[in-house]
Amino acid sequence: MADRFVMNRVRDGKVTVFLKPTCPYCRNAMMILREFNFMPGCLESVDVTGMDDVLDYLQQTTGQGTVPRVFIGKTCIGGFSDLQKFYGQLPEALRRIGVLQ
């Protein structure tokens, strides 16, 4: 069930962030991503508060069960600190998957 939940949201041509709205790292990750001019529907935040099965699935598939979990297309780049490290490459990665206006 958790696998379908995650895989129904993670797609090519889209950036998906699994998060908890009260988490400061999640809010900061979304602030970084919102700096870019996404096409409508190409940036999705998914609230996983109380969804331990989804967090367990993310742990199994990405190696980390913490949030945020940032997916560029179908590739998980990691969490907030990983997003910060990836920042210089982010514009090109977003252009490559066709999510920017």
PDB file of N, CA and C in Angstrom:
ATOM      1  N   MET A   1       0.822  -1.200   0.000  1.00  0.00           N
ATOM      2  CA  MET A   1       0.000   0.000   0.000  1.00  0.00           C
ATOM      3  C   MET A   1       0.867   1.266   0.000  1.00  0.00           C
ATOM      4  N   ALA A   2       1.874   1.322   0.888  1.00  0.00           N
ATOM      5  CA  ALA A   2       2.761   2.488   0.945  1.00  0.00           C
ATOM      6  C   ALA A   2       3.539   2.638  -0.347  1.00  0.00           C
ATOM      7  N   ASP A   3       3.922   1.511  -0.951  1.00  0.00           N
ATOM      8  CA  ASP A   3       4.664   1.587  -2.199  1.00  0.00           C
ATOM      9  C   ASP A   3       3.822   2.240  -3.301  1.00  0.00           C
ATOM     10  N   ARG A   4       2.555   1.881  -3.386  1.00  0.00           N
ATOM     11  CA  ARG A   4       1.664   2.507  -4.385  1.00  0.00           C
ATOM     12  C   ARG A   4       1.463   3.986  -4.084  1.00  0.00           C
ATOM     13  N   PHE A   5       1.320   4.326  -2.795  1.00  0.00           N
ATOM     14  CA  PHE A   5       1.150   5.725  -2.391  1.00  0.00           C
ATOM     15  C   PHE A   5       2.327   6.557  -2.885  1.00  0.00           C
ATOM     16  N   VAL A   6       3.542   6.065  -2.645  1.00  0.00           N
ATOM     17  CA  VAL A   6       4.744   6.796  -3.054  1.00  0.00           C
ATOM     18  C   VAL A   6       4.863   6.817  -4.573  1.00  0.00           C
ATOM     19  N   MET A   7       4.743   5.664  -5.203  1.00  0.00           N
ATOM     20  CA  MET A   7       4.965   5.587  -6.645  1.00  0.00           C
ATOM     21  C   MET A   7       3.893   6.323  -7.453  1.00  0.00           C
ATOM     22  N   ASN A   8       2.710   6.511  -6.894  1.00  0.00           N
ATOM     23  CA  ASN A   8       1.688   7.306  -7.574  1.00  0.00           C
ATOM     24  C   ASN A   8       2.008   8.793  -7.562  1.00  0.00           C
ATOM     25  N   ARG A   9       2.930   9.198  -6.727  1.00  0.00           N
ATOM     26  CA  ARG A   9       3.282  10.611  -6.625  1.00  0.00           C
ATOM     27  C   ARG A   9       4.620  10.940  -7.277  1.00  0.00           C
ATOM     28  N   VAL A  10       5.527   9.972  -7.297  1.00  0.00           N
ATOM     29  CA  VAL A  10       6.856  10.179  -7.872  1.00  0.00           C
ATOM     30  C   VAL A  10       6.787   9.848  -9.355  1.00  0.00           C
ATOM     31  N   ARG A  11       7.066  10.861 -10.194  1.00  0.00           N
ATOM     32  CA  ARG A  11       6.969  10.675 -11.648  1.00  0.00           C
ATOM     33  C   ARG A  11       8.068  11.454 -12.357  1.00  0.00           C
ATOM     34  N   ASP A  12       8.369  11.002 -13.561  1.00  0.00           N
ATOM     35  CA  ASP A  12       9.232  11.798 -14.434  1.00  0.00           C
ATOM     36  C   ASP A  12       8.501  13.114 -14.705  1.00  0.00           C
ATOM     37  N   GLY A  13       9.240  14.173 -14.905  1.00  0.00           N
ATOM     38  CA  GLY A  13       8.615  15.448 -15.236  1.00  0.00           C
ATOM     39  C   GLY A  13       7.949  16.127 -14.060  1.00  0.00           C
ATOM     40  N   LYS A  14       8.430  15.824 -12.853  1.00  0.00           N
ATOM     41  CA  LYS A  14       7.811  16.391 -11.654  1.00  0.00           C
ATOM     42  C   LYS A  14       8.818  16.335 -10.498  1.00  0.00           C
ATOM     43  N   VAL A  15       8.722  17.284  -9.585  1.00  0.00           N
ATOM     44  CA  VAL A  15       9.504  17.256  -8.348  1.00  0.00           C
ATOM     45  C   VAL A  15       8.528  16.991  -7.209  1.00  0.00           C
ATOM     46  N   THR A  16       8.829  15.979  -6.419  1.00  0.00           N
ATOM     47  CA  THR A  16       7.965  15.578  -5.315  1.00  0.00           C
ATOM     48  C   THR A  16       8.753  15.644  -4.027  1.00  0.00           C
ATOM     49  N   VAL A  17       8.161  16.264  -3.008  1.00  0.00           N
ATOM     50  CA  VAL A  17       8.798  16.363  -1.697  1.00  0.00           C
ATOM     51  C   VAL A  17       7.865  15.747  -0.663  1.00  0.00           C
ATOM     52  N   PHE A  18       8.324  14.682  -0.027  1.00  0.00           N
ATOM     53  CA  PHE A  18       7.594  14.079   1.085  1.00  0.00           C
ATOM     54  C   PHE A  18       8.038  14.820   2.331  1.00  0.00           C
ATOM     55  N   LEU A  19       7.069  15.342   3.088  1.00  0.00           N
ATOM     56  CA  LEU A  19       7.408  16.229   4.190  1.00  0.00           C
ATOM     57  C   LEU A  19       6.387  16.166   5.317  1.00  0.00           C
ATOM     58  N   LYS A  20       6.754  16.836   6.387  1.00  0.00           N
ATOM     59  CA  LYS A  20       5.833  17.116   7.489  1.00  0.00           C
ATOM     60  C   LYS A  20       5.817  18.636   7.633  1.00  0.00           C
ATOM     61  N   PRO A  21       4.655  19.258   7.559  1.00  0.00           N
ATOM     62  CA  PRO A  21       4.572  20.724   7.550  1.00  0.00           C
ATOM     63  C   PRO A  21       5.195  21.404   8.772  1.00  0.00           C
ATOM     64  N   THR A  22       5.270  20.718   9.896  1.00  0.00           N
ATOM     65  CA  THR A  22       5.827  21.335  11.100  1.00  0.00           C
ATOM     66  C   THR A  22       7.349  21.239  11.156  1.00  0.00           C
ATOM     67  N   CYS A  23       7.958  20.515  10.235  1.00  0.00           N
ATOM     68  CA  CYS A  23       9.405  20.305  10.232  1.00  0.00           C
ATOM     69  C   CYS A  23      10.116  21.502   9.590  1.00  0.00           C
ATOM     70  N   PRO A  24      11.038  22.142  10.314  1.00  0.00           N
ATOM     71  CA  PRO A  24      11.741  23.296   9.738  1.00  0.00           C
ATOM     72  C   PRO A  24      12.596  22.927   8.528  1.00  0.00           C
ATOM     73  N   TYR A  25      13.159  21.737   8.503  1.00  0.00           N
ATOM     74  CA  TYR A  25      13.956  21.315   7.344  1.00  0.00           C
ATOM     75  C   TYR A  25      13.074  21.166   6.106  1.00  0.00           C
ATOM     76  N   CYS A  26      11.866  20.673   6.323  1.00  0.00           N
ATOM     77  CA  CYS A  26      10.910  20.536   5.212  1.00  0.00           C
ATOM     78  C   CYS A  26      10.507  21.901   4.676  1.00  0.00           C
ATOM     79  N   ARG A  27      10.219  22.819   5.580  1.00  0.00           N
ATOM     80  CA  ARG A  27       9.840  24.169   5.150  1.00  0.00           C
ATOM     81  C   ARG A  27      10.986  24.826   4.388  1.00  0.00           C
ATOM     82  N   ASN A  28      12.216  24.636   4.863  1.00  0.00           N
ATOM     83  CA  ASN A  28      13.374  25.225   4.192  1.00  0.00           C
ATOM     84  C   ASN A  28      13.608  24.597   2.825  1.00  0.00           C
ATOM     85  N   ALA A  29      13.392  23.298   2.707  1.00  0.00           N
ATOM     86  CA  ALA A  29      13.531  22.634   1.401  1.00  0.00           C
ATOM     87  C   ALA A  29      12.526  23.212   0.417  1.00  0.00           C
ATOM     88  N   MET A  30      11.298  23.395   0.855  1.00  0.00           N
ATOM     89  CA  MET A  30      10.279  23.960  -0.035  1.00  0.00           C
ATOM     90  C   MET A  30      10.609  25.409  -0.396  1.00  0.00           C
ATOM     91  N   MET A  31      11.186  26.169   0.538  1.00  0.00           N
ATOM     92  CA  MET A  31      11.587  27.547   0.230  1.00  0.00           C
ATOM     93  C   MET A  31      12.633  27.562  -0.883  1.00  0.00           C
ATOM     94  N   ILE A  32      13.595  26.650  -0.813  1.00  0.00           N
ATOM     95  CA  ILE A  32      14.619  26.569  -1.855  1.00  0.00           C
ATOM     96  C   ILE A  32      13.964  26.248  -3.201  1.00  0.00           C
ATOM     97  N   LEU A  33      13.098  25.262  -3.214  1.00  0.00           N
ATOM     98  CA  LEU A  33      12.478  24.846  -4.472  1.00  0.00           C
ATOM     99  C   LEU A  33      11.559  25.928  -5.031  1.00  0.00           C
ATOM    100  N   ARG A  34      10.919  26.670  -4.185  1.00  0.00           N
ATOM    101  CA  ARG A  34       9.998  27.722  -4.654  1.00  0.00           C
ATOM    102  C   ARG A  34      10.732  28.918  -5.250  1.00  0.00           C
ATOM    103  N   GLU A  35      12.055  28.929  -5.160  1.00  0.00           N
ATOM    104  CA  GLU A  35      12.836  29.972  -5.825  1.00  0.00           C
ATOM    105  C   GLU A  35      12.762  29.826  -7.344  1.00  0.00           C
ATOM    106  N   PHE A  36      12.389  28.639  -7.805  1.00  0.00           N
ATOM    107  CA  PHE A  36      12.348  28.344  -9.230  1.00  0.00           C
ATOM    108  C   PHE A  36      10.936  28.495  -9.767  1.00  0.00           C
ATOM    109  N   ASN A  37      10.846  28.823 -11.032  1.00  0.00           N
ATOM    110  CA  ASN A  37       9.566  29.072 -11.688  1.00  0.00           C
ATOM    111  C   ASN A  37       9.048  27.769 -12.300  1.00  0.00           C
ATOM    112  N   PHE A  38       8.388  26.961 -11.474  1.00  0.00           N
ATOM    113  CA  PHE A  38       7.862  25.673 -11.920  1.00  0.00           C
ATOM    114  C   PHE A  38       6.610  25.861 -12.769  1.00  0.00           C
ATOM    115  N   MET A  39       6.430  24.968 -13.720  1.00  0.00           N
ATOM    116  CA  MET A  39       5.168  24.918 -14.446  1.00  0.00           C
ATOM    117  C   MET A  39       4.110  24.391 -13.481  1.00  0.00           C
ATOM    118  N   PRO A  40       2.856  24.777 -13.668  1.00  0.00           N
ATOM    119  CA  PRO A  40       1.795  24.310 -12.765  1.00  0.00           C
ATOM    120  C   PRO A  40       1.773  22.785 -12.655  1.00  0.00           C
ATOM    121  N   GLY A  41       1.667  22.315 -11.422  1.00  0.00           N
ATOM    122  CA  GLY A  41       1.563  20.886 -11.158  1.00  0.00           C
ATOM    123  C   GLY A  41       2.879  20.124 -11.162  1.00  0.00           C
ATOM    124  N   CYS A  42       3.991  20.814 -11.370  1.00  0.00           N
ATOM    125  CA  CYS A  42       5.284  20.130 -11.460  1.00  0.00           C
ATOM    126  C   CYS A  42       6.071  20.122 -10.156  1.00  0.00           C
ATOM    127  N   LEU A  43       5.567  20.792  -9.117  1.00  0.00           N
ATOM    128  CA  LEU A  43       6.163  20.727  -7.783  1.00  0.00           C
ATOM    129  C   LEU A  43       5.057  20.314  -6.831  1.00  0.00           C
ATOM    130  N   GLU A  44       5.243  19.159  -6.205  1.00  0.00           N
ATOM    131  CA  GLU A  44       4.223  18.651  -5.287  1.00  0.00           C
ATOM    132  C   GLU A  44       4.836  18.371  -3.928  1.00  0.00           C
ATOM    133  N   SER A  45       4.178  18.854  -2.893  1.00  0.00           N
ATOM    134  CA  SER A  45       4.562  18.492  -1.527  1.00  0.00           C
ATOM    135  C   SER A  45       3.516  17.510  -1.014  1.00  0.00           C
ATOM    136  N   VAL A  46       3.994  16.443  -0.380  1.00  0.00           N
ATOM    137  CA  VAL A  46       3.123  15.388   0.112  1.00  0.00           C
ATOM    138  C   VAL A  46       3.320  15.275   1.616  1.00  0.00           C
ATOM    139  N   ASP A  47       2.279  15.596   2.367  1.00  0.00           N
ATOM    140  CA  ASP A  47       2.324  15.538   3.828  1.00  0.00           C
ATOM    141  C   ASP A  47       2.236  14.078   4.266  1.00  0.00           C
ATOM    142  N   VAL A  48       3.277  13.601   4.939  1.00  0.00           N
ATOM    143  CA  VAL A  48       3.306  12.212   5.413  1.00  0.00           C
ATOM    144  C   VAL A  48       3.207  12.132   6.935  1.00  0.00           C
ATOM    145  N   THR A  49       2.668  13.169   7.550  1.00  0.00           N
ATOM    146  CA  THR A  49       2.486  13.165   9.001  1.00  0.00           C
ATOM    147  C   THR A  49       1.623  11.973   9.398  1.00  0.00           C
ATOM    148  N   GLY A  50       2.121  11.171  10.325  1.00  0.00           N
ATOM    149  CA  GLY A  50       1.381  10.017  10.816  1.00  0.00           C
ATOM    150  C   GLY A  50       1.371   8.825   9.876  1.00  0.00           C
ATOM    151  N   MET A  51       2.103   8.899   8.797  1.00  0.00           N
ATOM    152  CA  MET A  51       2.139   7.792   7.829  1.00  0.00           C
ATOM    153  C   MET A  51       3.426   6.988   8.010  1.00  0.00           C
ATOM    154  N   ASP A  52       3.501   6.256   9.101  1.00  0.00           N
ATOM    155  CA  ASP A  52       4.714   5.489   9.400  1.00  0.00           C
ATOM    156  C   ASP A  52       5.024   4.457   8.330  1.00  0.00           C
ATOM    157  N   ASP A  53       4.001   3.886   7.708  1.00  0.00           N
ATOM    158  CA  ASP A  53       4.238   2.897   6.651  1.00  0.00           C
ATOM    159  C   ASP A  53       4.930   3.532   5.446  1.00  0.00           C
ATOM    160  N   VAL A  54       4.570   4.767   5.141  1.00  0.00           N
ATOM    161  CA  VAL A  54       5.215   5.474   4.029  1.00  0.00           C
ATOM    162  C   VAL A  54       6.661   5.800   4.394  1.00  0.00           C
ATOM    163  N   LEU A  55       6.888   6.241   5.619  1.00  0.00           N
ATOM    164  CA  LEU A  55       8.253   6.527   6.054  1.00  0.00           C
ATOM    165  C   LEU A  55       9.098   5.262   6.058  1.00  0.00           C
ATOM    166  N   ASP A  56       8.518   4.144   6.466  1.00  0.00           N
ATOM    167  CA  ASP A  56       9.232   2.861   6.422  1.00  0.00           C
ATOM    168  C   ASP A  56       9.586   2.494   4.984  1.00  0.00           C
ATOM    169  N   TYR A  57       8.648   2.706   4.078  1.00  0.00           N
ATOM    170  CA  TYR A  57       8.902   2.405   2.666  1.00  0.00           C
ATOM    171  C   TYR A  57      10.017   3.303   2.117  1.00  0.00           C
ATOM    172  N   LEU A  58       9.978   4.584   2.456  1.00  0.00           N
ATOM    173  CA  LEU A  58      11.036   5.495   2.015  1.00  0.00           C
ATOM    174  C   LEU A  58      12.384   5.073   2.593  1.00  0.00           C
ATOM    175  N   GLN A  59      12.390   4.599   3.829  1.00  0.00           N
ATOM    176  CA  GLN A  59      13.625   4.090   4.452  1.00  0.00           C
ATOM    177  C   GLN A  59      14.166   2.911   3.639  1.00  0.00           C
ATOM    178  N   GLN A  60      13.297   2.007   3.281  1.00  0.00           N
ATOM    179  CA  GLN A  60      13.713   0.822   2.523  1.00  0.00           C
ATOM    180  C   GLN A  60      14.235   1.182   1.142  1.00  0.00           C
ATOM    181  N   THR A  61      13.605   2.133   0.482  1.00  0.00           N
ATOM    182  CA  THR A  61      13.946   2.425  -0.916  1.00  0.00           C
ATOM    183  C   THR A  61      15.008   3.501  -1.087  1.00  0.00           C
ATOM    184  N   THR A  62      15.117   4.419  -0.124  1.00  0.00           N
ATOM    185  CA  THR A  62      16.084   5.512  -0.285  1.00  0.00           C
ATOM    186  C   THR A  62      17.220   5.449   0.724  1.00  0.00           C
ATOM    187  N   GLY A  63      17.070   4.608   1.734  1.00  0.00           N
ATOM    188  CA  GLY A  63      18.098   4.523   2.769  1.00  0.00           C
ATOM    189  C   GLY A  63      17.889   5.507   3.904  1.00  0.00           C
ATOM    190  N   GLN A  64      16.873   6.349   3.803  1.00  0.00           N
ATOM    191  CA  GLN A  64      16.571   7.325   4.842  1.00  0.00           C
ATOM    192  C   GLN A  64      15.074   7.359   5.082  1.00  0.00           C
ATOM    193  N   GLY A  65      14.681   7.344   6.344  1.00  0.00           N
ATOM    194  CA  GLY A  65      13.260   7.402   6.674  1.00  0.00           C
ATOM    195  C   GLY A  65      12.851   8.746   7.240  1.00  0.00           C
ATOM    196  N   THR A  66      13.731   9.736   7.082  1.00  0.00           N
ATOM    197  CA  THR A  66      13.434  11.068   7.605  1.00  0.00           C
ATOM    198  C   THR A  66      12.880  11.945   6.493  1.00  0.00           C
ATOM    199  N   VAL A  67      12.282  13.040   6.875  1.00  0.00           N
ATOM    200  CA  VAL A  67      11.779  14.008   5.907  1.00  0.00           C
ATOM    201  C   VAL A  67      12.562  15.299   6.056  1.00  0.00           C
ATOM    202  N   PRO A  68      12.635  16.068   4.989  1.00  0.00           N
ATOM    203  CA  PRO A  68      12.036  15.841   3.688  1.00  0.00           C
ATOM    204  C   PRO A  68      12.792  14.784   2.891  1.00  0.00           C
ATOM    205  N   ARG A  69      12.094  14.169   1.958  1.00  0.00           N
ATOM    206  CA  ARG A  69      12.674  13.296   0.916  1.00  0.00           C
ATOM    207  C   ARG A  69      12.315  13.972  -0.395  1.00  0.00           C
ATOM    208  N   VAL A  70      13.341  14.400  -1.110  1.00  0.00           N
ATOM    209  CA  VAL A  70      13.158  15.172  -2.335  1.00  0.00           C
ATOM    210  C   VAL A  70      13.445  14.291  -3.545  1.00  0.00           C
ATOM    211  N   PHE A  71      12.460  14.190  -4.429  1.00  0.00           N
ATOM    212  CA  PHE A  71      12.599  13.428  -5.662  1.00  0.00           C
ATOM    213  C   PHE A  71      12.569  14.385  -6.839  1.00  0.00           C
ATOM    214  N   ILE A  72      13.579  14.297  -7.680  1.00  0.00           N
ATOM    215  CA  ILE A  72      13.590  15.028  -8.940  1.00  0.00           C
ATOM    216  C   ILE A  72      13.324  13.982 -10.004  1.00  0.00           C
ATOM    217  N   GLY A  73      12.141  14.045 -10.559  1.00  0.00           N
ATOM    218  CA  GLY A  73      11.688  12.944 -11.392  1.00  0.00           C
ATOM    219  C   GLY A  73      11.527  11.735 -10.492  1.00  0.00           C
ATOM    220  N   LYS A  74      12.092  10.614 -10.897  1.00  0.00           N
ATOM    221  CA  LYS A  74      12.001   9.395 -10.089  1.00  0.00           C
ATOM    222  C   LYS A  74      13.242   9.158  -9.239  1.00  0.00           C
ATOM    223  N   THR A  75      14.141  10.148  -9.223  1.00  0.00           N
ATOM    224  CA  THR A  75      15.399  10.014  -8.494  1.00  0.00           C
ATOM    225  C   THR A  75      15.332  10.771  -7.173  1.00  0.00           C
ATOM    226  N   CYS A  76      15.584  10.063  -6.085  1.00  0.00           N
ATOM    227  CA  CYS A  76      15.641  10.711  -4.775  1.00  0.00           C
ATOM    228  C   CYS A  76      17.020  11.327  -4.613  1.00  0.00           C
ATOM    229  N   ILE A  77      17.054  12.643  -4.406  1.00  0.00           N
ATOM    230  CA  ILE A  77      18.352  13.288  -4.186  1.00  0.00           C
ATOM    231  C   ILE A  77      18.671  13.379  -2.704  1.00  0.00           C
ATOM    232  N   GLY A  78      17.703  13.054  -1.834  1.00  0.00           N
ATOM    233  CA  GLY A  78      17.953  13.042  -0.402  1.00  0.00           C
ATOM    234  C   GLY A  78      17.062  14.012   0.343  1.00  0.00           C
ATOM    235  N   GLY A  79      17.625  14.561   1.415  1.00  0.00           N
ATOM    236  CA  GLY A  79      16.889  15.470   2.278  1.00  0.00           C
ATOM    237  C   GLY A  79      17.331  16.911   2.105  1.00  0.00           C
ATOM    238  N   PHE A  80      17.107  17.722   3.133  1.00  0.00           N
ATOM    239  CA  PHE A  80      17.395  19.151   3.043  1.00  0.00           C
ATOM    240  C   PHE A  80      18.879  19.436   2.810  1.00  0.00           C
ATOM    241  N   SER A  81      19.756  18.799   3.580  1.00  0.00           N
ATOM    242  CA  SER A  81      21.193  19.076   3.416  1.00  0.00           C
ATOM    243  C   SER A  81      21.675  18.614   2.039  1.00  0.00           C
ATOM    244  N   ASP A  82      21.105  17.522   1.539  1.00  0.00           N
ATOM    245  CA  ASP A  82      21.458  17.059   0.193  1.00  0.00           C
ATOM    246  C   ASP A  82      20.985  18.058  -0.859  1.00  0.00           C
ATOM    247  N   LEU A  83      19.789  18.609  -0.661  1.00  0.00           N
ATOM    248  CA  LEU A  83      19.258  19.618  -1.569  1.00  0.00           C
ATOM    249  C   LEU A  83      20.159  20.851  -1.574  1.00  0.00           C
ATOM    250  N   GLN A  84      20.626  21.252  -0.401  1.00  0.00           N
ATOM    251  CA  GLN A  84      21.545  22.391  -0.317  1.00  0.00           C
ATOM    252  C   GLN A  84      22.824  22.119  -1.109  1.00  0.00           C
ATOM    253  N   LYS A  85      23.381  20.931  -0.951  1.00  0.00           N
ATOM    254  CA  LYS A  85      24.611  20.575  -1.672  1.00  0.00           C
ATOM    255  C   LYS A  85      24.380  20.521  -3.178  1.00  0.00           C
ATOM    256  N   PHE A  86      23.186  20.133  -3.585  1.00  0.00           N
ATOM    257  CA  PHE A  86      22.813  19.963  -4.987  1.00  0.00           C
ATOM    258  C   PHE A  86      22.384  21.284  -5.627  1.00  0.00           C
ATOM    259  N   TYR A  87      22.285  22.344  -4.839  1.00  0.00           N
ATOM    260  CA  TYR A  87      21.700  23.606  -5.289  1.00  0.00           C
ATOM    261  C   TYR A  87      22.309  24.120  -6.593  1.00  0.00           C
ATOM    262  N   GLY A  88      23.621  24.051  -6.728  1.00  0.00           N
ATOM    263  CA  GLY A  88      24.278  24.542  -7.942  1.00  0.00           C
ATOM    264  C   GLY A  88      23.889  23.765  -9.188  1.00  0.00           C
ATOM    265  N   GLN A  89      23.538  22.496  -9.019  1.00  0.00           N
ATOM    266  CA  GLN A  89      23.152  21.645 -10.140  1.00  0.00           C
ATOM    267  C   GLN A  89      21.640  21.625 -10.364  1.00  0.00           C
ATOM    268  N   LEU A  90      20.910  22.212  -9.420  1.00  0.00           N
ATOM    269  CA  LEU A  90      19.447  22.151  -9.445  1.00  0.00           C
ATOM    270  C   LEU A  90      18.832  22.781 -10.702  1.00  0.00           C
ATOM    271  N   PRO A  91      19.255  23.977 -11.123  1.00  0.00           N
ATOM    272  CA  PRO A  91      18.626  24.559 -12.322  1.00  0.00           C
ATOM    273  C   PRO A  91      18.720  23.631 -13.532  1.00  0.00           C
ATOM    274  N   GLU A  92      19.891  23.051 -13.762  1.00  0.00           N
ATOM    275  CA  GLU A  92      20.068  22.153 -14.906  1.00  0.00           C
ATOM    276  C   GLU A  92      19.233  20.886 -14.750  1.00  0.00           C
ATOM    277  N   ALA A  93      19.197  20.329 -13.550  1.00  0.00           N
ATOM    278  CA  ALA A  93      18.405  19.114 -13.310  1.00  0.00           C
ATOM    279  C   ALA A  93      16.922  19.380 -13.542  1.00  0.00           C
ATOM    280  N   LEU A  94      16.443  20.546 -13.116  1.00  0.00           N
ATOM    281  CA  LEU A  94      15.033  20.894 -13.308  1.00  0.00           C
ATOM    282  C   LEU A  94      14.715  21.136 -14.779  1.00  0.00           C
ATOM    283  N   ARG A  95      15.645  21.775 -15.496  1.00  0.00           N
ATOM    284  CA  ARG A  95      15.461  21.977 -16.936  1.00  0.00           C
ATOM    285  C   ARG A  95      15.442  20.632 -17.668  1.00  0.00           C
ATOM    286  N   ARG A  96      16.332  19.736 -17.247  1.00  0.00           N
ATOM    287  CA  ARG A  96      16.459  18.420 -17.909  1.00  0.00           C
ATOM    288  C   ARG A  96      15.147  17.634 -17.831  1.00  0.00           C
ATOM    289  N   ILE A  97      14.426  17.744 -16.710  1.00  0.00           N
ATOM    290  CA  ILE A  97      13.163  16.992 -16.604  1.00  0.00           C
ATOM    291  C   ILE A  97      11.961  17.815 -17.060  1.00  0.00           C
ATOM    292  N   GLY A  98      12.205  19.055 -17.483  1.00  0.00           N
ATOM    293  CA  GLY A  98      11.164  19.854 -18.119  1.00  0.00           C
ATOM    294  C   GLY A  98      10.104  20.404 -17.202  1.00  0.00           C
ATOM    295  N   VAL A  99      10.505  20.861 -16.009  1.00  0.00           N
ATOM    296  CA  VAL A  99       9.495  21.347 -15.061  1.00  0.00           C
ATOM    297  C   VAL A  99       9.479  22.862 -14.910  1.00  0.00           C
ATOM    298  N   LEU A 100      10.397  23.553 -15.556  1.00  0.00           N
ATOM    299  CA  LEU A 100      10.476  25.006 -15.410  1.00  0.00           C
ATOM    300  C   LEU A 100       9.767  25.710 -16.555  1.00  0.00           C
ATOM    301  N   GLN A 101       9.203  26.890 -16.224  1.00  0.00           N
ATOM    302  CA  GLN A 101       8.553  27.706 -17.256  1.00  0.00           C
ATOM    303  C   GLN A 101       9.595  28.461 -18.041  1.00  0.00           C
TER     304      GLN A 101
END
